[in-house]
């Protein structure tokens, strides 16, 4: 089964876009695909433990529920190292399934290929 790589640049300023990205990621991870979300710009804040508390719309699942499902299914995050530093985020504050890394590590993880999505 192919890998899934989801690139997300948006944070809670567009909770609907974040929710859609997480629905895609959760679907891939729960289907058994190795899944990685590459968080850049404002999306890096989503990897801070306890930060992502939002419900995008009536009927939308809470973001915390989606993040918990993603973690339980083995989903991982790369929080862009440049973005983490620029935003003054303490790497120790990130959720357990996140690492601070960059595009080199993203490409290493992709390896021979992945289905990609960008939000």
PDB file of N, CA and C in Angstrom:
ATOM      1  N   UNK A   1       0.851  -1.172   0.000  1.00  0.00           N
ATOM      2  CA  UNK A   1       0.000   0.000   0.000  1.00  0.00           C
ATOM      3  C   UNK A   1       0.896   1.234   0.000  1.00  0.00           C
ATOM      4  N   UNK A   2       0.566   2.210  -0.832  1.00  0.00           N
ATOM      5  CA  UNK A   2       1.405   3.400  -0.948  1.00  0.00           C
ATOM      6  C   UNK A   2       1.289   4.298   0.278  1.00  0.00           C
ATOM      7  N   UNK A   3       2.320   5.094   0.470  1.00  0.00           N
ATOM      8  CA  UNK A   3       2.353   6.064   1.554  1.00  0.00           C
ATOM      9  C   UNK A   3       1.474   7.258   1.193  1.00  0.00           C
ATOM     10  N   UNK A   4       1.077   8.006   2.229  1.00  0.00           N
ATOM     11  CA  UNK A   4       0.330   9.244   2.024  1.00  0.00           C
ATOM     12  C   UNK A   4       1.074  10.372   2.716  1.00  0.00           C
ATOM     13  N   UNK A   5       1.350  11.440   1.976  1.00  0.00           N
ATOM     14  CA  UNK A   5       2.003  12.623   2.517  1.00  0.00           C
ATOM     15  C   UNK A   5       1.066  13.811   2.341  1.00  0.00           C
ATOM     16  N   UNK A   6       0.749  14.456   3.454  1.00  0.00           N
ATOM     17  CA  UNK A   6      -0.162  15.598   3.438  1.00  0.00           C
ATOM     18  C   UNK A   6       0.607  16.829   3.878  1.00  0.00           C
ATOM     19  N   UNK A   7       0.658  17.845   3.027  1.00  0.00           N
ATOM     20  CA  UNK A   7       1.328  19.101   3.348  1.00  0.00           C
ATOM     21  C   UNK A   7       0.262  20.109   3.769  1.00  0.00           C
ATOM     22  N   UNK A   8       0.464  20.705   4.942  1.00  0.00           N
ATOM     23  CA  UNK A   8      -0.513  21.647   5.484  1.00  0.00           C
ATOM     24  C   UNK A   8       0.198  22.931   5.884  1.00  0.00           C
ATOM     25  N   UNK A   9      -0.264  24.063   5.343  1.00  0.00           N
ATOM     26  CA  UNK A   9       0.334  25.363   5.654  1.00  0.00           C
ATOM     27  C   UNK A   9      -0.571  26.223   6.525  1.00  0.00           C
ATOM     28  N   UNK A  10      -1.799  25.814   6.687  1.00  0.00           N
ATOM     29  CA  UNK A  10      -2.809  26.621   7.367  1.00  0.00           C
ATOM     30  C   UNK A  10      -3.021  26.129   8.788  1.00  0.00           C
ATOM     31  N   UNK A  11      -3.198  27.075   9.704  1.00  0.00           N
ATOM     32  CA  UNK A  11      -3.500  26.736  11.091  1.00  0.00           C
ATOM     33  C   UNK A  11      -4.955  27.026  11.411  1.00  0.00           C
ATOM     34  N   UNK A  12      -5.208  27.345  12.653  1.00  0.00           N
ATOM     35  CA  UNK A  12      -6.588  27.545  13.104  1.00  0.00           C
ATOM     36  C   UNK A  12      -7.264  28.765  12.502  1.00  0.00           C
ATOM     37  N   UNK A  13      -6.508  29.599  11.768  1.00  0.00           N
ATOM     38  CA  UNK A  13      -7.148  30.725  11.082  1.00  0.00           C
ATOM     39  C   UNK A  13      -8.093  30.237   9.983  1.00  0.00           C
ATOM     40  N   UNK A  14      -7.951  28.986   9.557  1.00  0.00           N
ATOM     41  CA  UNK A  14      -8.869  28.367   8.599  1.00  0.00           C
ATOM     42  C   UNK A  14      -9.143  26.940   9.070  1.00  0.00           C
ATOM     43  N   UNK A  15      -9.952  26.841  10.116  1.00  0.00           N
ATOM     44  CA  UNK A  15     -10.219  25.547  10.744  1.00  0.00           C
ATOM     45  C   UNK A  15     -10.885  24.561   9.788  1.00  0.00           C
ATOM     46  N   UNK A  16     -11.654  25.056   8.825  1.00  0.00           N
ATOM     47  CA  UNK A  16     -12.275  24.139   7.863  1.00  0.00           C
ATOM     48  C   UNK A  16     -11.225  23.457   6.995  1.00  0.00           C
ATOM     49  N   UNK A  17     -10.249  24.208   6.503  1.00  0.00           N
ATOM     50  CA  UNK A  17      -9.190  23.627   5.690  1.00  0.00           C
ATOM     51  C   UNK A  17      -8.385  22.622   6.511  1.00  0.00           C
ATOM     52  N   UNK A  18      -8.087  22.963   7.750  1.00  0.00           N
ATOM     53  CA  UNK A  18      -7.354  22.054   8.638  1.00  0.00           C
ATOM     54  C   UNK A  18      -8.152  20.776   8.854  1.00  0.00           C
ATOM     55  N   UNK A  19      -9.448  20.902   9.058  1.00  0.00           N
ATOM     56  CA  UNK A  19     -10.305  19.728   9.261  1.00  0.00           C
ATOM     57  C   UNK A  19     -10.282  18.825   8.033  1.00  0.00           C
ATOM     58  N   UNK A  20     -10.389  19.396   6.848  1.00  0.00           N
ATOM     59  CA  UNK A  20     -10.349  18.595   5.622  1.00  0.00           C
ATOM     60  C   UNK A  20      -9.012  17.866   5.504  1.00  0.00           C
ATOM     61  N   UNK A  21      -7.917  18.571   5.774  1.00  0.00           N
ATOM     62  CA  UNK A  21      -6.596  17.932   5.718  1.00  0.00           C
ATOM     63  C   UNK A  21      -6.517  16.769   6.699  1.00  0.00           C
ATOM     64  N   UNK A  22      -7.048  16.955   7.902  1.00  0.00           N
ATOM     65  CA  UNK A  22      -7.019  15.873   8.886  1.00  0.00           C
ATOM     66  C   UNK A  22      -7.953  14.731   8.513  1.00  0.00           C
ATOM     67  N   UNK A  23      -9.076  15.021   7.903  1.00  0.00           N
ATOM     68  CA  UNK A  23      -9.956  13.939   7.441  1.00  0.00           C
ATOM     69  C   UNK A  23      -9.241  13.073   6.411  1.00  0.00           C
ATOM     70  N   UNK A  24      -8.507  13.705   5.501  1.00  0.00           N
ATOM     71  CA  UNK A  24      -7.724  12.964   4.505  1.00  0.00           C
ATOM     72  C   UNK A  24      -6.648  12.140   5.198  1.00  0.00           C
ATOM     73  N   UNK A  25      -5.936  12.748   6.132  1.00  0.00           N
ATOM     74  CA  UNK A  25      -4.851  12.059   6.837  1.00  0.00           C
ATOM     75  C   UNK A  25      -5.376  10.903   7.684  1.00  0.00           C
ATOM     76  N   UNK A  26      -6.450  11.126   8.406  1.00  0.00           N
ATOM     77  CA  UNK A  26      -7.035  10.061   9.235  1.00  0.00           C
ATOM     78  C   UNK A  26      -7.513   8.916   8.355  1.00  0.00           C
ATOM     79  N   UNK A  27      -8.153   9.234   7.243  1.00  0.00           N
ATOM     80  CA  UNK A  27      -8.614   8.189   6.328  1.00  0.00           C
ATOM     81  C   UNK A  27      -7.472   7.326   5.834  1.00  0.00           C
ATOM     82  N   UNK A  28      -6.369   7.961   5.469  1.00  0.00           N
ATOM     83  CA  UNK A  28      -5.208   7.211   4.984  1.00  0.00           C
ATOM     84  C   UNK A  28      -4.610   6.361   6.096  1.00  0.00           C
ATOM     85  N   UNK A  29      -4.388   6.958   7.258  1.00  0.00           N
ATOM     86  CA  UNK A  29      -3.758   6.237   8.370  1.00  0.00           C
ATOM     87  C   UNK A  29      -4.631   5.083   8.854  1.00  0.00           C
ATOM     88  N   UNK A  30      -5.932   5.324   8.973  1.00  0.00           N
ATOM     89  CA  UNK A  30      -6.824   4.263   9.440  1.00  0.00           C
ATOM     90  C   UNK A  30      -6.995   3.158   8.406  1.00  0.00           C
ATOM     91  N   UNK A  31      -6.698   3.449   7.147  1.00  0.00           N
ATOM     92  CA  UNK A  31      -6.729   2.429   6.096  1.00  0.00           C
ATOM     93  C   UNK A  31      -5.438   1.609   6.081  1.00  0.00           C
ATOM     94  N   UNK A  32      -4.506   1.962   6.946  1.00  0.00           N
ATOM     95  CA  UNK A  32      -3.261   1.210   7.041  1.00  0.00           C
ATOM     96  C   UNK A  32      -2.112   1.767   6.217  1.00  0.00           C
ATOM     97  N   UNK A  33      -2.300   2.932   5.611  1.00  0.00           N
ATOM     98  CA  UNK A  33      -1.207   3.545   4.837  1.00  0.00           C
ATOM     99  C   UNK A  33      -0.239   4.248   5.792  1.00  0.00           C
ATOM    100  N   UNK A  34       1.066   4.104   5.577  1.00  0.00           N
ATOM    101  CA  UNK A  34       2.004   4.951   6.314  1.00  0.00           C
ATOM    102  C   UNK A  34       1.686   6.401   5.949  1.00  0.00           C
ATOM    103  N   UNK A  35       1.448   7.244   6.950  1.00  0.00           N
ATOM    104  CA  UNK A  35       0.955   8.598   6.695  1.00  0.00           C
ATOM    105  C   UNK A  35       1.776   9.620   7.468  1.00  0.00           C
ATOM    106  N   UNK A  36       2.141  10.694   6.764  1.00  0.00           N
ATOM    107  CA  UNK A  36       2.935  11.767   7.348  1.00  0.00           C
ATOM    108  C   UNK A  36       2.311  13.097   6.958  1.00  0.00           C
ATOM    109  N   UNK A  37       2.160  13.975   7.946  1.00  0.00           N
ATOM    110  CA  UNK A  37       1.726  15.340   7.674  1.00  0.00           C
ATOM    111  C   UNK A  37       2.940  16.248   7.833  1.00  0.00           C
ATOM    112  N   UNK A  38       3.217  17.042   6.804  1.00  0.00           N
ATOM    113  CA  UNK A  38       4.298  18.018   6.825  1.00  0.00           C
ATOM    114  C   UNK A  38       3.675  19.362   7.157  1.00  0.00           C
ATOM    115  N   UNK A  39       3.944  19.869   8.357  1.00  0.00           N
ATOM    116  CA  UNK A  39       3.333  21.094   8.865  1.00  0.00           C
ATOM    117  C   UNK A  39       4.286  22.266   8.682  1.00  0.00           C
ATOM    118  N   UNK A  40       3.808  23.302   7.974  1.00  0.00           N
ATOM    119  CA  UNK A  40       4.616  24.492   7.747  1.00  0.00           C
ATOM    120  C   UNK A  40       3.796  25.735   8.088  1.00  0.00           C
ATOM    121  N   UNK A  41       4.469  26.874   8.124  1.00  0.00           N
ATOM    122  CA  UNK A  41       3.824  28.154   8.426  1.00  0.00           C
ATOM    123  C   UNK A  41       2.990  28.036   9.694  1.00  0.00           C
ATOM    124  N   UNK A  42       1.758  28.524   9.700  1.00  0.00           N
ATOM    125  CA  UNK A  42       0.911  28.481  10.902  1.00  0.00           C
ATOM    126  C   UNK A  42       0.522  27.056  11.317  1.00  0.00           C
ATOM    127  N   UNK A  43       0.580  26.127  10.389  1.00  0.00           N
ATOM    128  CA  UNK A  43       0.227  24.739  10.726  1.00  0.00           C
ATOM    129  C   UNK A  43       1.191  24.129  11.737  1.00  0.00           C
ATOM    130  N   UNK A  44       2.406  24.670  11.857  1.00  0.00           N
ATOM    131  CA  UNK A  44       3.340  24.107  12.834  1.00  0.00           C
ATOM    132  C   UNK A  44       2.783  24.182  14.246  1.00  0.00           C
ATOM    133  N   UNK A  45       1.970  25.170  14.527  1.00  0.00           N
ATOM    134  CA  UNK A  45       1.386  25.313  15.872  1.00  0.00           C
ATOM    135  C   UNK A  45       0.438  24.156  16.205  1.00  0.00           C
ATOM    136  N   UNK A  46      -0.118  23.511  15.188  1.00  0.00           N
ATOM    137  CA  UNK A  46      -1.032  22.389  15.428  1.00  0.00           C
ATOM    138  C   UNK A  46      -0.340  21.225  16.130  1.00  0.00           C
ATOM    139  N   UNK A  47       0.981  21.138  15.995  1.00  0.00           N
ATOM    140  CA  UNK A  47       1.724  20.053  16.628  1.00  0.00           C
ATOM    141  C   UNK A  47       2.039  20.326  18.095  1.00  0.00           C
ATOM    142  N   UNK A  48       1.726  21.521  18.589  1.00  0.00           N
ATOM    143  CA  UNK A  48       1.938  21.836  20.006  1.00  0.00           C
ATOM    144  C   UNK A  48       0.874  21.096  20.814  1.00  0.00           C
ATOM    145  N   UNK A  49       1.317  20.340  21.786  1.00  0.00           N
ATOM    146  CA  UNK A  49       0.400  19.556  22.611  1.00  0.00           C
ATOM    147  C   UNK A  49      -0.656  20.470  23.249  1.00  0.00           C
ATOM    148  N   UNK A  50      -1.933  20.170  22.999  1.00  0.00           N
ATOM    149  CA  UNK A  50      -3.042  20.918  23.578  1.00  0.00           C
ATOM    150  C   UNK A  50      -3.464  22.156  22.816  1.00  0.00           C
ATOM    151  N   UNK A  51      -2.772  22.500  21.736  1.00  0.00           N
ATOM    152  CA  UNK A  51      -3.073  23.737  21.001  1.00  0.00           C
ATOM    153  C   UNK A  51      -4.326  23.627  20.141  1.00  0.00           C
ATOM    154  N   UNK A  52      -4.482  22.524  19.449  1.00  0.00           N
ATOM    155  CA  UNK A  52      -5.516  22.403  18.402  1.00  0.00           C
ATOM    156  C   UNK A  52      -6.880  22.065  18.997  1.00  0.00           C
ATOM    157  N   UNK A  53      -7.537  23.076  19.497  1.00  0.00           N
ATOM    158  CA  UNK A  53      -8.877  22.902  20.065  1.00  0.00           C
ATOM    159  C   UNK A  53      -9.834  23.746  19.227  1.00  0.00           C
ATOM    160  N   UNK A  54     -10.470  23.099  18.267  1.00  0.00           N
ATOM    161  CA  UNK A  54     -11.382  23.823  17.389  1.00  0.00           C
ATOM    162  C   UNK A  54     -12.389  22.862  16.796  1.00  0.00           C
ATOM    163  N   UNK A  55     -13.553  23.402  16.484  1.00  0.00           N
ATOM    164  CA  UNK A  55     -14.566  22.697  15.703  1.00  0.00           C
ATOM    165  C   UNK A  55     -14.885  23.641  14.549  1.00  0.00           C
ATOM    166  N   UNK A  56     -14.633  23.183  13.339  1.00  0.00           N
ATOM    167  CA  UNK A  56     -14.703  24.066  12.170  1.00  0.00           C
ATOM    168  C   UNK A  56     -16.116  24.461  11.780  1.00  0.00           C
ATOM    169  N   UNK A  57     -17.086  23.578  11.996  1.00  0.00           N
ATOM    170  CA  UNK A  57     -18.441  23.865  11.536  1.00  0.00           C
ATOM    171  C   UNK A  57     -19.431  22.957  12.251  1.00  0.00           C
ATOM    172  N   UNK A  58     -20.699  23.281  12.165  1.00  0.00           N
ATOM    173  CA  UNK A  58     -21.725  22.399  12.715  1.00  0.00           C
ATOM    174  C   UNK A  58     -21.640  21.056  12.004  1.00  0.00           C
ATOM    175  N   UNK A  59     -21.522  19.999  12.775  1.00  0.00           N
ATOM    176  CA  UNK A  59     -21.415  18.669  12.193  1.00  0.00           C
ATOM    177  C   UNK A  59     -19.989  18.218  11.929  1.00  0.00           C
ATOM    178  N   UNK A  60     -19.028  19.110  12.016  1.00  0.00           N
ATOM    179  CA  UNK A  60     -17.626  18.737  11.830  1.00  0.00           C
ATOM    180  C   UNK A  60     -17.099  18.106  13.122  1.00  0.00           C
ATOM    181  N   UNK A  61     -16.247  17.109  13.005  1.00  0.00           N
ATOM    182  CA  UNK A  61     -15.661  16.529  14.207  1.00  0.00           C
ATOM    183  C   UNK A  61     -14.663  17.500  14.835  1.00  0.00           C
ATOM    184  N   UNK A  62     -14.548  17.492  16.160  1.00  0.00           N
ATOM    185  CA  UNK A  62     -13.544  18.332  16.804  1.00  0.00           C
ATOM    186  C   UNK A  62     -12.143  17.945  16.329  1.00  0.00           C
ATOM    187  N   UNK A  63     -11.304  18.943  16.165  1.00  0.00           N
ATOM    188  CA  UNK A  63      -9.947  18.697  15.699  1.00  0.00           C
ATOM    189  C   UNK A  63      -9.181  17.784  16.660  1.00  0.00           C
ATOM    190  N   UNK A  64      -9.415  17.934  17.953  1.00  0.00           N
ATOM    191  CA  UNK A  64      -8.726  17.062  18.919  1.00  0.00           C
ATOM    192  C   UNK A  64      -9.084  15.601  18.689  1.00  0.00           C
ATOM    193  N   UNK A  65     -10.338  15.314  18.341  1.00  0.00           N
ATOM    194  CA  UNK A  65     -10.740  13.929  18.053  1.00  0.00           C
ATOM    195  C   UNK A  65      -9.992  13.403  16.823  1.00  0.00           C
ATOM    196  N   UNK A  66      -9.904  14.230  15.781  1.00  0.00           N
ATOM    197  CA  UNK A  66      -9.196  13.810  14.566  1.00  0.00           C
ATOM    198  C   UNK A  66      -7.716  13.568  14.852  1.00  0.00           C
ATOM    199  N   UNK A  67      -7.121  14.449  15.645  1.00  0.00           N
ATOM    200  CA  UNK A  67      -5.708  14.274  15.980  1.00  0.00           C
ATOM    201  C   UNK A  67      -5.481  13.005  16.798  1.00  0.00           C
ATOM    202  N   UNK A  68      -6.392  12.709  17.722  1.00  0.00           N
ATOM    203  CA  UNK A  68      -6.275  11.484  18.509  1.00  0.00           C
ATOM    204  C   UNK A  68      -6.415  10.246  17.631  1.00  0.00           C
ATOM    205  N   UNK A  69      -7.351  10.267  16.704  1.00  0.00           N
ATOM    206  CA  UNK A  69      -7.520   9.139  15.777  1.00  0.00           C
ATOM    207  C   UNK A  69      -6.286   8.973  14.901  1.00  0.00           C
ATOM    208  N   UNK A  70      -5.733  10.081  14.431  1.00  0.00           N
ATOM    209  CA  UNK A  70      -4.539  10.061  13.590  1.00  0.00           C
ATOM    210  C   UNK A  70      -3.371   9.430  14.345  1.00  0.00           C
ATOM    211  N   UNK A  71      -3.170   9.845  15.568  1.00  0.00           N
ATOM    212  CA  UNK A  71      -2.084   9.285  16.381  1.00  0.00           C
ATOM    213  C   UNK A  71      -2.311   7.796  16.644  1.00  0.00           C
ATOM    214  N   UNK A  72      -3.530   7.429  16.967  1.00  0.00           N
ATOM    215  CA  UNK A  72      -3.846   6.028  17.259  1.00  0.00           C
ATOM    216  C   UNK A  72      -3.624   5.133  16.046  1.00  0.00           C
ATOM    217  N   UNK A  73      -3.778   5.691  14.847  1.00  0.00           N
ATOM    218  CA  UNK A  73      -3.585   4.929  13.613  1.00  0.00           C
ATOM    219  C   UNK A  73      -2.131   4.940  13.154  1.00  0.00           C
ATOM    220  N   UNK A  74      -1.248   5.558  13.920  1.00  0.00           N
ATOM    221  CA  UNK A  74       0.170   5.559  13.578  1.00  0.00           C
ATOM    222  C   UNK A  74       0.624   6.738  12.745  1.00  0.00           C
ATOM    223  N   UNK A  75      -0.242   7.747  12.568  1.00  0.00           N
ATOM    224  CA  UNK A  75       0.129   8.918  11.792  1.00  0.00           C
ATOM    225  C   UNK A  75       1.224   9.724  12.469  1.00  0.00           C
ATOM    226  N   UNK A  76       2.083  10.330  11.651  1.00  0.00           N
ATOM    227  CA  UNK A  76       3.214  11.112  12.150  1.00  0.00           C
ATOM    228  C   UNK A  76       3.194  12.515  11.554  1.00  0.00           C
ATOM    229  N   UNK A  77       3.917  13.419  12.213  1.00  0.00           N
ATOM    230  CA  UNK A  77       4.074  14.795  11.742  1.00  0.00           C
ATOM    231  C   UNK A  77       5.555  15.126  11.610  1.00  0.00           C
ATOM    232  N   UNK A  78       5.873  15.923  10.599  1.00  0.00           N
ATOM    233  CA  UNK A  78       7.129  16.660  10.572  1.00  0.00           C
ATOM    234  C   UNK A  78       6.724  18.125  10.691  1.00  0.00           C
ATOM    235  N   UNK A  79       7.218  18.783  11.738  1.00  0.00           N
ATOM    236  CA  UNK A  79       7.021  20.222  11.898  1.00  0.00           C
ATOM    237  C   UNK A  79       8.262  20.899  11.321  1.00  0.00           C
ATOM    238  N   UNK A  80       8.061  21.720  10.323  1.00  0.00           N
ATOM    239  CA  UNK A  80       9.158  22.399   9.633  1.00  0.00           C
ATOM    240  C   UNK A  80      10.084  23.087  10.632  1.00  0.00           C
ATOM    241  N   UNK A  81      11.356  22.712  10.590  1.00  0.00           N
ATOM    242  CA  UNK A  81      12.317  23.278  11.526  1.00  0.00           C
ATOM    243  C   UNK A  81      12.489  24.777  11.406  1.00  0.00           C
ATOM    244  N   UNK A  82      12.500  25.288  10.194  1.00  0.00           N
ATOM    245  CA  UNK A  82      12.624  26.731   9.987  1.00  0.00           C
ATOM    246  C   UNK A  82      11.418  27.438  10.590  1.00  0.00           C
ATOM    247  N   UNK A  83      10.225  26.884  10.366  1.00  0.00           N
ATOM    248  CA  UNK A  83       8.987  27.488  10.870  1.00  0.00           C
ATOM    249  C   UNK A  83       8.919  27.429  12.396  1.00  0.00           C
ATOM    250  N   UNK A  84       9.305  26.300  12.968  1.00  0.00           N
ATOM    251  CA  UNK A  84       9.303  26.147  14.424  1.00  0.00           C
ATOM    252  C   UNK A  84      10.193  27.207  15.056  1.00  0.00           C
ATOM    253  N   UNK A  85      11.381  27.386  14.502  1.00  0.00           N
ATOM    254  CA  UNK A  85      12.311  28.389  15.031  1.00  0.00           C
ATOM    255  C   UNK A  85      11.763  29.799  14.839  1.00  0.00           C
ATOM    256  N   UNK A  86      11.234  30.091  13.644  1.00  0.00           N
ATOM    257  CA  UNK A  86      10.730  31.432  13.344  1.00  0.00           C
ATOM    258  C   UNK A  86       9.563  31.813  14.243  1.00  0.00           C
ATOM    259  N   UNK A  87       8.773  30.842  14.648  1.00  0.00           N
ATOM    260  CA  UNK A  87       7.597  31.113  15.478  1.00  0.00           C
ATOM    261  C   UNK A  87       7.889  30.971  16.963  1.00  0.00           C
ATOM    262  N   UNK A  88       9.126  30.648  17.322  1.00  0.00           N
ATOM    263  CA  UNK A  88       9.505  30.544  18.725  1.00  0.00           C
ATOM    264  C   UNK A  88       8.856  29.378  19.448  1.00  0.00           C
ATOM    265  N   UNK A  89       8.590  28.304  18.725  1.00  0.00           N
ATOM    266  CA  UNK A  89       7.948  27.127  19.321  1.00  0.00           C
ATOM    267  C   UNK A  89       9.016  26.271  19.985  1.00  0.00           C
ATOM    268  N   UNK A  90       8.757  25.856  21.198  1.00  0.00           N
ATOM    269  CA  UNK A  90       9.660  24.963  21.927  1.00  0.00           C
ATOM    270  C   UNK A  90       9.449  23.547  21.399  1.00  0.00           C
ATOM    271  N   UNK A  91      10.459  22.932  20.788  1.00  0.00           N
ATOM    272  CA  UNK A  91      10.293  21.567  20.263  1.00  0.00           C
ATOM    273  C   UNK A  91       9.832  20.557  21.318  1.00  0.00           C
ATOM    274  N   UNK A  92      10.149  20.808  22.578  1.00  0.00           N
ATOM    275  CA  UNK A  92       9.719  19.903  23.648  1.00  0.00           C
ATOM    276  C   UNK A  92       8.211  19.966  23.896  1.00  0.00           C
ATOM    277  N   UNK A  93       7.542  20.990  23.351  1.00  0.00           N
ATOM    278  CA  UNK A  93       6.096  21.141  23.562  1.00  0.00           C
ATOM    279  C   UNK A  93       5.257  20.396  22.530  1.00  0.00           C
ATOM    280  N   UNK A  94       5.906  19.727  21.577  1.00  0.00           N
ATOM    281  CA  UNK A  94       5.169  19.063  20.506  1.00  0.00           C
ATOM    282  C   UNK A  94       4.594  17.726  20.954  1.00  0.00           C
ATOM    283  N   UNK A  95       3.544  17.299  20.277  1.00  0.00           N
ATOM    284  CA  UNK A  95       2.931  16.001  20.556  1.00  0.00           C
ATOM    285  C   UNK A  95       3.935  14.892  20.278  1.00  0.00           C
ATOM    286  N   UNK A  96       3.691  13.733  20.873  1.00  0.00           N
ATOM    287  CA  UNK A  96       4.644  12.623  20.796  1.00  0.00           C
ATOM    288  C   UNK A  96       4.933  12.140  19.378  1.00  0.00           C
ATOM    289  N   UNK A  97       3.959  12.240  18.477  1.00  0.00           N
ATOM    290  CA  UNK A  97       4.158  11.720  17.130  1.00  0.00           C
ATOM    291  C   UNK A  97       4.641  12.789  16.150  1.00  0.00           C
ATOM    292  N   UNK A  98       5.237  13.863  16.696  1.00  0.00           N
ATOM    293  CA  UNK A  98       5.791  14.936  15.860  1.00  0.00           C
ATOM    294  C   UNK A  98       7.292  15.038  16.066  1.00  0.00           C
ATOM    295  N   UNK A  99       7.968  15.406  14.992  1.00  0.00           N
ATOM    296  CA  UNK A  99       9.393  15.688  15.077  1.00  0.00           C
ATOM    297  C   UNK A  99       9.674  16.969  14.315  1.00  0.00           C
ATOM    298  N   UNK A 100      10.675  17.689  14.756  1.00  0.00           N
ATOM    299  CA  UNK A 100      11.118  18.885  14.053  1.00  0.00           C
ATOM    300  C   UNK A 100      12.132  18.417  13.016  1.00  0.00           C
ATOM    301  N   UNK A 101      11.853  18.715  11.776  1.00  0.00           N
ATOM    302  CA  UNK A 101      12.730  18.288  10.680  1.00  0.00           C
ATOM    303  C   UNK A 101      12.457  19.199   9.490  1.00  0.00           C
ATOM    304  N   UNK A 102      12.943  18.794   8.330  1.00  0.00           N
ATOM    305  CA  UNK A 102      12.786  19.634   7.152  1.00  0.00           C
ATOM    306  C   UNK A 102      12.478  18.846   5.905  1.00  0.00           C
ATOM    307  N   UNK A 103      12.709  19.488   4.780  1.00  0.00           N
ATOM    308  CA  UNK A 103      12.353  18.878   3.502  1.00  0.00           C
ATOM    309  C   UNK A 103      13.228  17.676   3.169  1.00  0.00           C
ATOM    310  N   UNK A 104      14.475  17.678   3.628  1.00  0.00           N
ATOM    311  CA  UNK A 104      15.335  16.516   3.384  1.00  0.00           C
ATOM    312  C   UNK A 104      14.724  15.277   4.023  1.00  0.00           C
ATOM    313  N   UNK A 105      14.299  15.418   5.276  1.00  0.00           N
ATOM    314  CA  UNK A 105      13.679  14.282   5.971  1.00  0.00           C
ATOM    315  C   UNK A 105      12.333  13.900   5.345  1.00  0.00           C
ATOM    316  N   UNK A 106      11.598  14.886   4.857  1.00  0.00           N
ATOM    317  CA  UNK A 106      10.344  14.586   4.155  1.00  0.00           C
ATOM    318  C   UNK A 106      10.626  13.726   2.934  1.00  0.00           C
ATOM    319  N   UNK A 107      11.603  14.120   2.113  1.00  0.00           N
ATOM    320  CA  UNK A 107      11.937  13.345   0.914  1.00  0.00           C
ATOM    321  C   UNK A 107      12.485  11.970   1.268  1.00  0.00           C
ATOM    322  N   UNK A 108      13.261  11.887   2.334  1.00  0.00           N
ATOM    323  CA  UNK A 108      13.751  10.572   2.771  1.00  0.00           C
ATOM    324  C   UNK A 108      12.584   9.664   3.133  1.00  0.00           C
ATOM    325  N   UNK A 109      11.584  10.209   3.826  1.00  0.00           N
ATOM    326  CA  UNK A 109      10.424   9.410   4.210  1.00  0.00           C
ATOM    327  C   UNK A 109       9.628   8.989   2.968  1.00  0.00           C
ATOM    328  N   UNK A 110       9.447   9.897   2.018  1.00  0.00           N
ATOM    329  CA  UNK A 110       8.705   9.576   0.802  1.00  0.00           C
ATOM    330  C   UNK A 110       9.407   8.462   0.031  1.00  0.00           C
ATOM    331  N   UNK A 111      10.717   8.517  -0.036  1.00  0.00           N
ATOM    332  CA  UNK A 111      11.468   7.453  -0.688  1.00  0.00           C
ATOM    333  C   UNK A 111      11.066   7.276  -2.134  1.00  0.00           C
ATOM    334  N   UNK A 112      10.596   6.086  -2.467  1.00  0.00           N
ATOM    335  CA  UNK A 112      10.249   5.752  -3.850  1.00  0.00           C
ATOM    336  C   UNK A 112       8.893   6.289  -4.277  1.00  0.00           C
ATOM    337  N   UNK A 113       8.192   6.953  -3.367  1.00  0.00           N
ATOM    338  CA  UNK A 113       6.941   7.558  -3.794  1.00  0.00           C
ATOM    339  C   UNK A 113       5.861   7.543  -2.742  1.00  0.00           C
ATOM    340  N   UNK A 114       4.926   8.447  -2.918  1.00  0.00           N
ATOM    341  CA  UNK A 114       3.769   8.570  -2.019  1.00  0.00           C
ATOM    342  C   UNK A 114       2.674   9.311  -2.754  1.00  0.00           C
ATOM    343  N   UNK A 115       1.466   9.070  -2.342  1.00  0.00           N
ATOM    344  CA  UNK A 115       0.349   9.891  -2.795  1.00  0.00           C
ATOM    345  C   UNK A 115       0.391  11.153  -1.960  1.00  0.00           C
ATOM    346  N   UNK A 116       0.318  12.318  -2.610  1.00  0.00           N
ATOM    347  CA  UNK A 116       0.463  13.565  -1.876  1.00  0.00           C
ATOM    348  C   UNK A 116      -0.792  14.416  -1.973  1.00  0.00           C
ATOM    349  N   UNK A 117      -1.004  15.183  -0.909  1.00  0.00           N
ATOM    350  CA  UNK A 117      -2.107  16.138  -0.838  1.00  0.00           C
ATOM    351  C   UNK A 117      -1.534  17.412  -0.251  1.00  0.00           C
ATOM    352  N   UNK A 118      -2.041  18.557  -0.687  1.00  0.00           N
ATOM    353  CA  UNK A 118      -1.541  19.828  -0.176  1.00  0.00           C
ATOM    354  C   UNK A 118      -2.713  20.722   0.190  1.00  0.00           C
ATOM    355  N   UNK A 119      -2.645  21.244   1.391  1.00  0.00           N
ATOM    356  CA  UNK A 119      -3.703  22.128   1.900  1.00  0.00           C
ATOM    357  C   UNK A 119      -3.087  23.387   2.468  1.00  0.00           C
TER     358      UNK A 119
END
